[in-house]
Amino acid sequence: MFPAESRKNQIRKFIKLSPVARLLWCLDAGTEMFSNLSPEKQKLYLEMKNAEKIKRKNRLAKLLKVSL
């Protein structure tokens, strides 16, 4: 089986899953990818994630005109 065919089959199986099963699959896949990163890259990812979280929080506060 070619990689493109394999990918199409995976997508078809994913589409047939229930929304809860899709969410669980995505969370499991993301956790596995994160755990496969080197410790340096995990640290960099967490720093970027926290910076984005702060940026969203500030944008929301500005929209709602609330001081943090």
N, C-alpha and C. Protein backbone atom coordinates (compact mmCIF):
# COMPACT_ATOMS: atom_id res chain seq x y z
N MET A 1 0.85 -1.18 0.00
CA MET A 1 0.00 0.00 0.00
C MET A 1 0.90 1.24 0.00
N PHE A 2 0.55 2.19 -0.82
CA PHE A 2 1.30 3.43 -0.91
C PHE A 2 0.98 4.34 0.28
N PRO A 3 1.91 5.24 0.64
CA PRO A 3 1.65 6.15 1.77
C PRO A 3 0.39 7.00 1.58
N ALA A 4 0.14 7.44 0.36
CA ALA A 4 -1.05 8.27 0.10
C ALA A 4 -2.33 7.47 0.35
N GLU A 5 -2.33 6.21 -0.05
CA GLU A 5 -3.51 5.36 0.18
C GLU A 5 -3.70 5.10 1.67
N SER A 6 -2.59 4.84 2.34
CA SER A 6 -2.65 4.60 3.78
C SER A 6 -3.22 5.81 4.50
N ARG A 7 -2.76 7.00 4.10
CA ARG A 7 -3.23 8.24 4.72
C ARG A 7 -4.73 8.41 4.48
N LYS A 8 -5.18 8.14 3.27
CA LYS A 8 -6.61 8.26 2.95
C LYS A 8 -7.44 7.31 3.81
N ASN A 9 -6.94 6.09 3.99
CA ASN A 9 -7.65 5.13 4.83
C ASN A 9 -7.71 5.60 6.28
N GLN A 10 -6.62 6.17 6.77
CA GLN A 10 -6.62 6.70 8.13
C GLN A 10 -7.65 7.81 8.29
N ILE A 11 -7.72 8.69 7.30
CA ILE A 11 -8.67 9.80 7.35
C ILE A 11 -10.10 9.26 7.32
N ARG A 12 -10.36 8.26 6.48
CA ARG A 12 -11.71 7.67 6.43
C ARG A 12 -12.10 7.07 7.77
N LYS A 13 -11.18 6.36 8.41
CA LYS A 13 -11.45 5.78 9.73
C LYS A 13 -11.69 6.88 10.76
N PHE A 14 -10.91 7.96 10.69
CA PHE A 14 -11.05 9.06 11.64
C PHE A 14 -12.41 9.72 11.50
N ILE A 15 -12.85 9.92 10.27
CA ILE A 15 -14.15 10.58 10.01
C ILE A 15 -15.30 9.76 10.59
N LYS A 16 -15.16 8.43 10.61
CA LYS A 16 -16.23 7.56 11.11
C LYS A 16 -16.31 7.56 12.64
N LEU A 17 -15.28 8.08 13.32
CA LEU A 17 -15.30 8.10 14.78
C LEU A 17 -16.31 9.11 15.30
N SER A 18 -16.77 8.89 16.52
CA SER A 18 -17.67 9.85 17.16
C SER A 18 -16.85 11.08 17.56
N PRO A 19 -17.49 12.22 17.79
CA PRO A 19 -16.75 13.42 18.19
C PRO A 19 -15.89 13.21 19.44
N VAL A 20 -16.40 12.46 20.40
CA VAL A 20 -15.63 12.21 21.63
C VAL A 20 -14.40 11.36 21.31
N ALA A 21 -14.58 10.34 20.49
CA ALA A 21 -13.46 9.48 20.11
C ALA A 21 -12.42 10.27 19.31
N ARG A 22 -12.87 11.20 18.46
CA ARG A 22 -11.93 12.05 17.71
C ARG A 22 -11.10 12.91 18.66
N LEU A 23 -11.77 13.51 19.62
CA LEU A 23 -11.08 14.36 20.59
C LEU A 23 -10.06 13.55 21.38
N LEU A 24 -10.46 12.38 21.84
CA LEU A 24 -9.53 11.53 22.59
C LEU A 24 -8.34 11.10 21.73
N TRP A 25 -8.60 10.78 20.46
CA TRP A 25 -7.53 10.39 19.56
C TRP A 25 -6.54 11.54 19.38
N CYS A 26 -7.06 12.76 19.18
CA CYS A 26 -6.20 13.93 19.00
C CYS A 26 -5.38 14.21 20.26
N LEU A 27 -5.99 14.10 21.42
CA LEU A 27 -5.26 14.33 22.67
C LEU A 27 -4.17 13.28 22.86
N ASP A 28 -4.48 12.03 22.57
CA ASP A 28 -3.48 10.97 22.69
C ASP A 28 -2.31 11.19 21.72
N ALA A 29 -2.64 11.55 20.49
CA ALA A 29 -1.60 11.78 19.48
C ALA A 29 -0.72 12.97 19.87
N GLY A 30 -1.34 14.04 20.34
CA GLY A 30 -0.58 15.22 20.75
C GLY A 30 0.32 14.93 21.94
N THR A 31 -0.19 14.18 22.90
CA THR A 31 0.61 13.81 24.07
C THR A 31 1.79 12.95 23.66
N GLU A 32 1.55 12.02 22.74
CA GLU A 32 2.63 11.15 22.28
C GLU A 32 3.70 11.95 21.54
N MET A 33 3.27 12.89 20.68
CA MET A 33 4.24 13.71 19.94
C MET A 33 5.07 14.55 20.91
N PHE A 34 4.40 15.14 21.91
CA PHE A 34 5.11 15.96 22.88
C PHE A 34 6.13 15.12 23.65
N SER A 35 5.75 13.92 24.06
CA SER A 35 6.67 13.09 24.85
C SER A 35 7.84 12.60 24.01
N ASN A 36 7.71 12.58 22.68
CA ASN A 36 8.81 12.17 21.81
C ASN A 36 9.79 13.30 21.52
N LEU A 37 9.45 14.52 21.90
CA LEU A 37 10.37 15.64 21.71
C LEU A 37 11.52 15.55 22.71
N SER A 38 12.64 16.14 22.33
CA SER A 38 13.76 16.21 23.27
C SER A 38 13.39 17.18 24.39
N PRO A 39 14.03 17.07 25.55
CA PRO A 39 13.72 17.98 26.66
C PRO A 39 13.87 19.47 26.30
N GLU A 40 14.86 19.78 25.46
CA GLU A 40 15.06 21.18 25.04
C GLU A 40 13.86 21.66 24.21
N LYS A 41 13.41 20.81 23.31
CA LYS A 41 12.27 21.19 22.45
C LYS A 41 10.98 21.22 23.25
N GLN A 42 10.84 20.35 24.24
CA GLN A 42 9.66 20.40 25.11
C GLN A 42 9.62 21.73 25.85
N LYS A 43 10.78 22.16 26.35
CA LYS A 43 10.86 23.43 27.06
C LYS A 43 10.50 24.59 26.14
N LEU A 44 11.04 24.58 24.92
CA LEU A 44 10.74 25.63 23.95
C LEU A 44 9.25 25.65 23.62
N TYR A 45 8.64 24.46 23.43
CA TYR A 45 7.21 24.38 23.14
C TYR A 45 6.39 24.99 24.27
N LEU A 46 6.74 24.64 25.51
CA LEU A 46 5.98 25.15 26.66
C LEU A 46 6.13 26.67 26.78
N GLU A 47 7.32 27.19 26.49
CA GLU A 47 7.51 28.64 26.52
C GLU A 47 6.64 29.32 25.47
N MET A 48 6.62 28.76 24.26
CA MET A 48 5.80 29.33 23.19
C MET A 48 4.31 29.24 23.55
N LYS A 49 3.90 28.12 24.13
CA LYS A 49 2.50 27.92 24.51
C LYS A 49 2.09 28.94 25.57
N ASN A 50 2.94 29.16 26.57
CA ASN A 50 2.64 30.13 27.62
C ASN A 50 2.59 31.55 27.08
N ALA A 51 3.50 31.89 26.16
CA ALA A 51 3.49 33.22 25.56
C ALA A 51 2.20 33.45 24.79
N GLU A 52 1.75 32.44 24.07
CA GLU A 52 0.49 32.55 23.31
C GLU A 52 -0.69 32.70 24.26
N LYS A 53 -0.67 31.96 25.36
CA LYS A 53 -1.75 32.05 26.35
C LYS A 53 -1.84 33.46 26.93
N ILE A 54 -0.69 34.04 27.25
CA ILE A 54 -0.66 35.41 27.80
C ILE A 54 -1.18 36.40 26.76
N LYS A 55 -0.76 36.21 25.49
CA LYS A 55 -1.20 37.10 24.42
C LYS A 55 -2.72 37.06 24.27
N ARG A 56 -3.30 35.84 24.28
CA ARG A 56 -4.77 35.71 24.17
C ARG A 56 -5.47 36.34 25.35
N LYS A 57 -4.93 36.13 26.55
CA LYS A 57 -5.52 36.68 27.77
C LYS A 57 -5.52 38.21 27.71
N ASN A 58 -4.41 38.80 27.27
CA ASN A 58 -4.32 40.25 27.16
C ASN A 58 -5.28 40.80 26.10
N ARG A 59 -5.39 40.07 24.98
CA ARG A 59 -6.30 40.49 23.92
C ARG A 59 -7.75 40.48 24.43
N LEU A 60 -8.10 39.45 25.16
CA LEU A 60 -9.46 39.33 25.72
C LEU A 60 -9.71 40.44 26.75
N ALA A 61 -8.73 40.71 27.60
CA ALA A 61 -8.88 41.76 28.60
C ALA A 61 -9.05 43.12 27.93
N LYS A 62 -8.31 43.33 26.86
CA LYS A 62 -8.42 44.59 26.13
C LYS A 62 -9.80 44.72 25.49
N LEU A 63 -10.30 43.61 24.95
CA LEU A 63 -11.62 43.59 24.34
C LEU A 63 -12.70 43.89 25.37
N LEU A 64 -12.57 43.30 26.55
CA LEU A 64 -13.55 43.49 27.61
C LEU A 64 -13.29 44.73 28.46
N LYS A 65 -12.17 45.38 28.18
CA LYS A 65 -11.77 46.59 28.91
C LYS A 65 -11.64 46.30 30.41
N VAL A 66 -10.92 45.20 30.69
CA VAL A 66 -10.66 44.78 32.06
C VAL A 66 -9.16 44.79 32.27
N SER A 67 -8.72 45.28 33.42
CA SER A 67 -7.28 45.25 33.69
C SER A 67 -6.93 43.93 34.37
N LEU A 68 -5.75 43.44 34.04
CA LEU A 68 -5.32 42.17 34.64
C LEU A 68 -4.41 42.41 35.79
